[in-house]
């Protein structure tokens, strides 16, 4: 979800994409990048992202060291992307505040056809 502006007159934009099977933390990091891409497409220059997963928020903010090698290039890409904004913040928020985004992701996941490997894992 992307909200541009403040108050009741703010514009709402949304995007969710079906990902191949991956870990939750990778999906959270990719969602952060997707939000950044969406913001750029809508001319946002000052961006605040709220995410309900502490690890990605702390990775991007530099509070947690990125120990998993497969996450390093993802986090580095996010760091490069944030330089495209005049100001950039990422903050942790509770899941209570991300229900709309979670519902959007569940809807995309339900619509997207499953691969044979995903069906086998069920």
Protein backbone atom coordinates (compact mmCIF):
# COMPACT_ATOMS: atom_id res chain seq x y z
CA UNK A 1 0.00 0.00 0.00
CA UNK A 2 1.21 3.47 -0.79
CA UNK A 3 -0.50 6.55 0.56
CA UNK A 4 0.52 9.87 -0.96
CA UNK A 5 -0.37 12.97 1.02
CA UNK A 6 -1.97 13.27 4.41
CA UNK A 7 -5.44 13.14 5.87
CA UNK A 8 -8.63 12.01 4.16
CA UNK A 9 -7.63 13.45 0.78
CA UNK A 10 -4.54 11.30 0.40
CA UNK A 11 -4.20 9.08 -2.66
CA UNK A 12 -4.00 5.32 -2.22
CA UNK A 13 -2.01 3.10 -4.57
CA UNK A 14 -1.44 -0.61 -4.24
CA UNK A 15 0.61 -3.36 -5.78
CA UNK A 16 1.37 -6.91 -4.80
CA UNK A 17 3.22 -9.56 -6.74
CA UNK A 18 3.27 -13.32 -6.47
CA UNK A 19 6.74 -14.48 -5.46
CA UNK A 20 8.29 -17.85 -6.05
CA UNK A 21 8.60 -19.95 -2.91
CA UNK A 22 10.90 -18.09 -0.52
CA UNK A 23 11.36 -17.27 3.14
CA UNK A 24 9.23 -14.71 4.95
CA UNK A 25 12.22 -12.45 5.56
CA UNK A 26 13.15 -12.40 1.85
CA UNK A 27 9.51 -11.63 0.99
CA UNK A 28 9.47 -8.76 3.52
CA UNK A 29 12.66 -7.27 2.03
CA UNK A 30 11.27 -7.55 -1.49
CA UNK A 31 8.04 -5.91 -0.35
CA UNK A 32 10.07 -2.95 0.92
CA UNK A 33 11.71 -2.63 -2.50
CA UNK A 34 8.34 -2.91 -4.23
CA UNK A 35 7.00 -0.08 -2.06
CA UNK A 36 10.02 2.03 -2.99
CA UNK A 37 9.47 1.36 -6.70
CA UNK A 38 5.79 2.26 -6.40
CA UNK A 39 6.67 5.47 -4.57
CA UNK A 40 9.14 6.48 -7.31
CA UNK A 41 6.50 5.81 -9.99
CA UNK A 42 4.15 8.23 -8.22
CA UNK A 43 6.72 10.98 -7.80
CA UNK A 44 7.26 10.55 -4.07
CA UNK A 45 10.47 12.20 -2.90
CA UNK A 46 10.06 11.92 0.88
CA UNK A 47 9.20 8.35 1.84
CA UNK A 48 8.31 6.69 5.14
CA UNK A 49 7.72 2.94 5.03
CA UNK A 50 5.97 1.09 7.85
CA UNK A 51 6.70 -2.63 8.08
CA UNK A 52 5.59 -5.15 10.67
CA UNK A 53 8.72 -7.29 10.50
CA UNK A 54 11.49 -6.15 12.81
CA UNK A 55 14.43 -7.85 11.10
CA UNK A 56 14.08 -6.20 7.67
CA UNK A 57 13.43 -2.82 9.28
CA UNK A 58 16.56 -3.18 11.41
CA UNK A 59 18.61 -4.52 8.48
CA UNK A 60 17.74 -1.51 6.33
CA UNK A 61 18.34 0.91 9.21
CA UNK A 62 21.70 -0.70 9.93
CA UNK A 63 20.71 -1.72 13.46
CA UNK A 64 21.10 -5.46 12.73
CA UNK A 65 24.02 -6.95 10.89
CA UNK A 66 22.95 -8.91 7.81
CA UNK A 67 24.32 -12.35 8.66
CA UNK A 68 22.59 -14.46 6.02
CA UNK A 69 24.60 -14.24 2.82
CA UNK A 70 21.53 -14.54 0.59
CA UNK A 71 20.11 -11.35 2.16
CA UNK A 72 23.19 -9.21 1.63
CA UNK A 73 22.54 -8.29 -2.04
CA UNK A 74 18.86 -7.63 -1.30
CA UNK A 75 19.65 -5.25 1.56
CA UNK A 76 22.42 -3.55 -0.44
CA UNK A 77 19.96 -2.94 -3.29
CA UNK A 78 17.53 -1.36 -0.81
CA UNK A 79 20.31 0.89 0.49
CA UNK A 80 21.05 2.02 -3.09
CA UNK A 81 17.36 2.59 -3.80
CA UNK A 82 16.91 4.80 -0.73
CA UNK A 83 19.46 7.23 -2.15
CA UNK A 84 16.88 8.06 -4.86
CA UNK A 85 14.68 9.80 -2.27
CA UNK A 86 15.24 13.21 -0.70
CA UNK A 87 14.38 11.60 2.63
CA UNK A 88 13.77 7.98 3.49
CA UNK A 89 12.70 6.31 6.72
CA UNK A 90 11.60 2.80 7.51
CA UNK A 91 9.83 2.19 10.79
CA UNK A 92 8.51 -0.87 12.54
CA UNK A 93 4.76 -0.98 13.23
CA UNK A 94 2.51 -3.63 14.70
CA UNK A 95 0.61 -6.09 12.51
CA UNK A 96 -2.56 -4.35 13.61
CA UNK A 97 -1.50 -1.45 11.36
CA UNK A 98 -0.71 -3.54 8.27
CA UNK A 99 -3.97 -5.42 7.81
CA UNK A 100 -4.76 -3.82 4.43
CA UNK A 101 -1.38 -4.77 2.98
CA UNK A 102 -1.62 -8.30 4.39
CA UNK A 103 -5.08 -8.73 2.84
CA UNK A 104 -3.78 -7.54 -0.53
CA UNK A 105 -0.93 -10.07 -0.40
CA UNK A 106 -3.26 -12.90 0.59
CA UNK A 107 -5.57 -12.00 -2.31
CA UNK A 108 -2.69 -12.08 -4.81
CA UNK A 109 -1.48 -15.37 -3.39
CA UNK A 110 -4.96 -16.89 -3.68
CA UNK A 111 -5.39 -15.73 -7.31
CA UNK A 112 -1.98 -16.83 -8.53
CA UNK A 113 -1.70 -20.40 -9.81
CA UNK A 114 0.55 -22.63 -7.75
CA UNK A 115 3.51 -24.38 -9.27
CA UNK A 116 3.80 -28.17 -9.07
CA UNK A 117 6.49 -27.77 -6.40
CA UNK A 118 4.26 -25.53 -4.29
CA UNK A 119 1.37 -27.98 -4.57
CA UNK A 120 3.65 -30.82 -3.52
CA UNK A 121 4.74 -28.89 -0.40
CA UNK A 122 1.13 -28.63 0.80
